[in-house]
Amino acid sequence: MSIRSHRCWNVGRSARVCALALATALALGAGAWAQAAEIAITQPTNEQTIHSNLGEVMVSVQVSDATPDSRVRLSVDGHAQPSGGGSMIALRGLDRGTHVLKAELLAADGEVIATSLPVTIYLWHASSRNPHRAK
């Protein structure tokens, strides 16, 4: 049953029947306007190699349909990183090698509302053993 197709025929009971129909439709997921919040890491891209001798990576997160009091938490290799909760997060001091990034959208009470797909990055540092590659 959809909300749009339901009609209240009996005028005397219409308010009660319409309220019941609305509650049933919402419980069944018929509220098409009720969008779930989403979060995605837009930069860096999955399996991107990043050249940074200092281990610095800028992470861009895109959030849609979030509540005003929600915040973003970024994890690197399963460890939550300190951040201001904004859409641009600066990571510093990462070791070279493979890292997995994941972003979570948190409600004001700390409950996870949405989780991004994991993004794998490869951090490259110049090596003193191969100085010709440090360009």
C-alpha atoms as a PDB file:
ATOM      1  CA  MET A   1       0.000   0.000   0.000  1.00  0.00           C
ATOM      2  CA  SER A   2       1.404   3.382  -0.879  1.00  0.00           C
ATOM      3  CA  ILE A   3       0.513   6.640   0.762  1.00  0.00           C
ATOM      4  CA  ARG A   4      -0.489   8.228  -2.528  1.00  0.00           C
ATOM      5  CA  SER A   5      -2.879   5.454  -3.555  1.00  0.00           C
ATOM      6  CA  HIS A   6      -4.687   5.307  -0.192  1.00  0.00           C
ATOM      7  CA  ARG A   7      -7.921   7.276   0.041  1.00  0.00           C
ATOM      8  CA  CYS A   8     -10.047   7.827   3.123  1.00  0.00           C
ATOM      9  CA  TRP A   9     -13.662   7.221   2.087  1.00  0.00           C
ATOM     10  CA  ASN A  10     -15.531   7.478   5.355  1.00  0.00           C
ATOM     11  CA  VAL A  11     -15.600  11.107   6.424  1.00  0.00           C
ATOM     12  CA  GLY A  12     -16.362  10.361  10.080  1.00  0.00           C
ATOM     13  CA  ARG A  13     -13.362   8.064  10.491  1.00  0.00           C
ATOM     14  CA  SER A  14     -11.107   9.628   7.872  1.00  0.00           C
ATOM     15  CA  ALA A  15      -8.565  11.216  10.188  1.00  0.00           C
ATOM     16  CA  ARG A  16      -8.082   8.006  12.164  1.00  0.00           C
ATOM     17  CA  VAL A  17      -7.943   5.816   9.041  1.00  0.00           C
ATOM     18  CA  CYS A  18      -5.548   8.165   7.253  1.00  0.00           C
ATOM     19  CA  ALA A  19      -3.252   8.313  10.284  1.00  0.00           C
ATOM     20  CA  LEU A  20      -3.270   4.518  10.482  1.00  0.00           C
ATOM     21  CA  ALA A  21      -2.596   4.226   6.749  1.00  0.00           C
ATOM     22  CA  LEU A  22       0.286   6.693   6.986  1.00  0.00           C
ATOM     23  CA  ALA A  23       1.839   4.892   9.958  1.00  0.00           C
ATOM     24  CA  THR A  24       1.520   1.521   8.179  1.00  0.00           C
ATOM     25  CA  ALA A  25       2.999   2.864   4.952  1.00  0.00           C
ATOM     26  CA  LEU A  26       5.958   4.379   6.788  1.00  0.00           C
ATOM     27  CA  ALA A  27       6.554   1.178   8.733  1.00  0.00           C
ATOM     28  CA  LEU A  28       6.606  -0.757   5.466  1.00  0.00           C
ATOM     29  CA  GLY A  29       9.127   1.638   3.959  1.00  0.00           C
ATOM     30  CA  ALA A  30       6.762   3.361   1.546  1.00  0.00           C
ATOM     31  CA  GLY A  31       8.058   6.809   2.469  1.00  0.00           C
ATOM     32  CA  ALA A  32      10.047   7.508  -0.689  1.00  0.00           C
ATOM     33  CA  TRP A  33      11.121  10.863   0.692  1.00  0.00           C
ATOM     34  CA  ALA A  34      12.813   9.217   3.683  1.00  0.00           C
ATOM     35  CA  GLN A  35      16.341   9.036   2.276  1.00  0.00           C
ATOM     36  CA  ALA A  36      19.136   7.354   4.195  1.00  0.00           C
ATOM     37  CA  ALA A  37      22.268   9.362   4.862  1.00  0.00           C
ATOM     38  CA  GLU A  38      25.288   8.412   2.765  1.00  0.00           C
ATOM     39  CA  ILE A  39      29.026   9.005   3.050  1.00  0.00           C
ATOM     40  CA  ALA A  40      31.831   8.431   0.548  1.00  0.00           C
ATOM     41  CA  ILE A  41      35.559   9.125   0.324  1.00  0.00           C
ATOM     42  CA  THR A  42      36.046  11.103  -2.894  1.00  0.00           C
ATOM     43  CA  GLN A  43      39.805  11.747  -2.616  1.00  0.00           C
ATOM     44  CA  PRO A  44      42.126   9.920  -2.703  1.00  0.00           C
ATOM     45  CA  THR A  45      40.667   7.329  -5.044  1.00  0.00           C
ATOM     46  CA  ASN A  46      40.820   3.601  -4.414  1.00  0.00           C
ATOM     47  CA  GLU A  47      44.254   2.063  -5.075  1.00  0.00           C
ATOM     48  CA  GLN A  48      45.841   5.469  -5.664  1.00  0.00           C
ATOM     49  CA  THR A  49      49.596   5.857  -5.089  1.00  0.00           C
ATOM     50  CA  ILE A  50      50.474   9.013  -3.170  1.00  0.00           C
ATOM     51  CA  HIS A  51      54.001  10.440  -3.176  1.00  0.00           C
ATOM     52  CA  SER A  52      54.683  12.153   0.141  1.00  0.00           C
ATOM     53  CA  ASN A  53      57.954  12.009   2.056  1.00  0.00           C
ATOM     54  CA  LEU A  54      56.228  13.485   5.113  1.00  0.00           C
ATOM     55  CA  GLY A  55      53.342  11.012   5.000  1.00  0.00           C
ATOM     56  CA  GLU A  56      50.745  13.704   4.383  1.00  0.00           C
ATOM     57  CA  VAL A  57      47.446  12.826   2.719  1.00  0.00           C
ATOM     58  CA  MET A  58      44.411  15.067   2.231  1.00  0.00           C
ATOM     59  CA  VAL A  59      41.162  13.100   2.411  1.00  0.00           C
ATOM     60  CA  SER A  60      37.943  14.505   0.981  1.00  0.00           C
ATOM     61  CA  VAL A  61      34.645  13.084   2.231  1.00  0.00           C
ATOM     62  CA  GLN A  62      31.238  13.680   0.656  1.00  0.00           C
ATOM     63  CA  VAL A  63      28.124  13.418   2.839  1.00  0.00           C
ATOM     64  CA  SER A  64      24.493  13.519   1.696  1.00  0.00           C
ATOM     65  CA  ASP A  65      21.222  13.673   3.623  1.00  0.00           C
ATOM     66  CA  ALA A  66      22.944  14.122   6.994  1.00  0.00           C
ATOM     67  CA  THR A  67      21.452  15.843   9.999  1.00  0.00           C
ATOM     68  CA  PRO A  68      23.031  19.142  11.103  1.00  0.00           C
ATOM     69  CA  ASP A  69      24.398  17.605  14.322  1.00  0.00           C
ATOM     70  CA  SER A  70      26.130  14.660  12.617  1.00  0.00           C
ATOM     71  CA  ARG A  71      29.905  14.464  12.224  1.00  0.00           C
ATOM     72  CA  VAL A  72      32.494  12.542  10.218  1.00  0.00           C
ATOM     73  CA  ARG A  73      35.011  10.097  11.670  1.00  0.00           C
ATOM     74  CA  LEU A  74      37.878   8.827   9.517  1.00  0.00           C
ATOM     75  CA  SER A  75      39.710   5.585  10.269  1.00  0.00           C
ATOM     76  CA  VAL A  76      43.111   4.590   8.915  1.00  0.00           C
ATOM     77  CA  ASP A  77      43.857   0.877   9.118  1.00  0.00           C
ATOM     78  CA  GLY A  78      41.020   0.500  11.630  1.00  0.00           C
ATOM     79  CA  HIS A  79      42.214   3.295  13.936  1.00  0.00           C
ATOM     80  CA  ALA A  80      40.040   6.407  14.320  1.00  0.00           C
ATOM     81  CA  GLN A  81      41.860   9.645  13.484  1.00  0.00           C
ATOM     82  CA  PRO A  82      41.373  12.965  15.251  1.00  0.00           C
ATOM     83  CA  SER A  83      39.547  15.428  13.037  1.00  0.00           C
ATOM     84  CA  GLY A  84      37.325  18.463  13.190  1.00  0.00           C
ATOM     85  CA  GLY A  85      34.512  16.433  11.693  1.00  0.00           C
ATOM     86  CA  GLY A  86      34.550  18.364   8.419  1.00  0.00           C
ATOM     87  CA  SER A  87      34.650  17.148   4.838  1.00  0.00           C
ATOM     88  CA  MET A  88      38.415  17.740   4.376  1.00  0.00           C
ATOM     89  CA  ILE A  89      40.687  15.791   6.697  1.00  0.00           C
ATOM     90  CA  ALA A  90      44.488  16.127   6.755  1.00  0.00           C
ATOM     91  CA  LEU A  91      46.456  13.036   7.692  1.00  0.00           C
ATOM     92  CA  ARG A  92      50.080  13.514   8.722  1.00  0.00           C
ATOM     93  CA  GLY A  93      52.932  11.196   9.588  1.00  0.00           C
ATOM     94  CA  LEU A  94      51.670   8.088   7.807  1.00  0.00           C
ATOM     95  CA  ASP A  95      54.289   5.438   7.211  1.00  0.00           C
ATOM     96  CA  ARG A  96      54.985   4.322   3.680  1.00  0.00           C
ATOM     97  CA  GLY A  97      53.078   1.318   2.446  1.00  0.00           C
ATOM     98  CA  THR A  98      49.476   0.245   2.065  1.00  0.00           C
ATOM     99  CA  HIS A  99      46.721   1.887   4.117  1.00  0.00           C
ATOM    100  CA  VAL A 100      42.947   1.407   4.197  1.00  0.00           C
ATOM    101  CA  LEU A 101      40.746   4.458   4.780  1.00  0.00           C
ATOM    102  CA  LYS A 102      37.135   4.312   5.930  1.00  0.00           C
ATOM    103  CA  ALA A 103      34.764   7.163   6.794  1.00  0.00           C
ATOM    104  CA  GLU A 104      31.798   6.960   9.124  1.00  0.00           C
ATOM    105  CA  LEU A 105      28.957   9.392   9.632  1.00  0.00           C
ATOM    106  CA  LEU A 106      28.078   9.659  13.321  1.00  0.00           C
ATOM    107  CA  ALA A 107      24.908  10.954  14.969  1.00  0.00           C
ATOM    108  CA  ALA A 108      25.162  13.366  17.897  1.00  0.00           C
ATOM    109  CA  ASP A 109      25.020  10.402  20.300  1.00  0.00           C
ATOM    110  CA  GLY A 110      27.945   8.658  18.534  1.00  0.00           C
ATOM    111  CA  GLU A 111      25.823   6.054  16.737  1.00  0.00           C
ATOM    112  CA  VAL A 112      27.112   5.172  13.258  1.00  0.00           C
ATOM    113  CA  ILE A 113      24.571   6.365  10.670  1.00  0.00           C
ATOM    114  CA  ALA A 114      26.491   5.484   7.507  1.00  0.00           C
ATOM    115  CA  THR A 115      29.826   3.937   6.513  1.00  0.00           C
ATOM    116  CA  SER A 116      31.812   4.507   3.333  1.00  0.00           C
ATOM    117  CA  LEU A 117      33.320   1.819   1.182  1.00  0.00           C
ATOM    118  CA  PRO A 118      36.957   1.226   2.152  1.00  0.00           C
ATOM    119  CA  VAL A 119      39.593   3.031   0.077  1.00  0.00           C
ATOM    120  CA  THR A 120      43.060   1.479  -0.226  1.00  0.00           C
ATOM    121  CA  ILE A 121      45.979   3.848  -0.803  1.00  0.00           C
ATOM    122  CA  TYR A 122      49.685   3.242  -1.342  1.00  0.00           C
ATOM    123  CA  LEU A 123      51.942   5.818   0.291  1.00  0.00           C
ATOM    124  CA  TRP A 124      55.321   6.231  -1.357  1.00  0.00           C
ATOM    125  CA  HIS A 125      58.341   7.796   0.399  1.00  0.00           C
ATOM    126  CA  ALA A 126      61.633   8.584  -1.319  1.00  0.00           C
ATOM    127  CA  SER A 127      64.381   6.222  -0.248  1.00  0.00           C
ATOM    128  CA  SER A 128      68.013   7.090   0.503  1.00  0.00           C
ATOM    129  CA  ARG A 129      68.898   3.742  -1.101  1.00  0.00           C
ATOM    130  CA  ASN A 130      67.443   4.930  -4.412  1.00  0.00           C
ATOM    131  CA  PRO A 131      68.213   8.667  -4.537  1.00  0.00           C
ATOM    132  CA  HIS A 132      67.598   8.853  -8.302  1.00  0.00           C
ATOM    133  CA  ARG A 133      63.932   7.954  -7.657  1.00  0.00           C
ATOM    134  CA  ALA A 134      63.415  10.824  -5.202  1.00  0.00           C
ATOM    135  CA  LYS A 135      62.631  13.348  -7.936  1.00  0.00           C
END
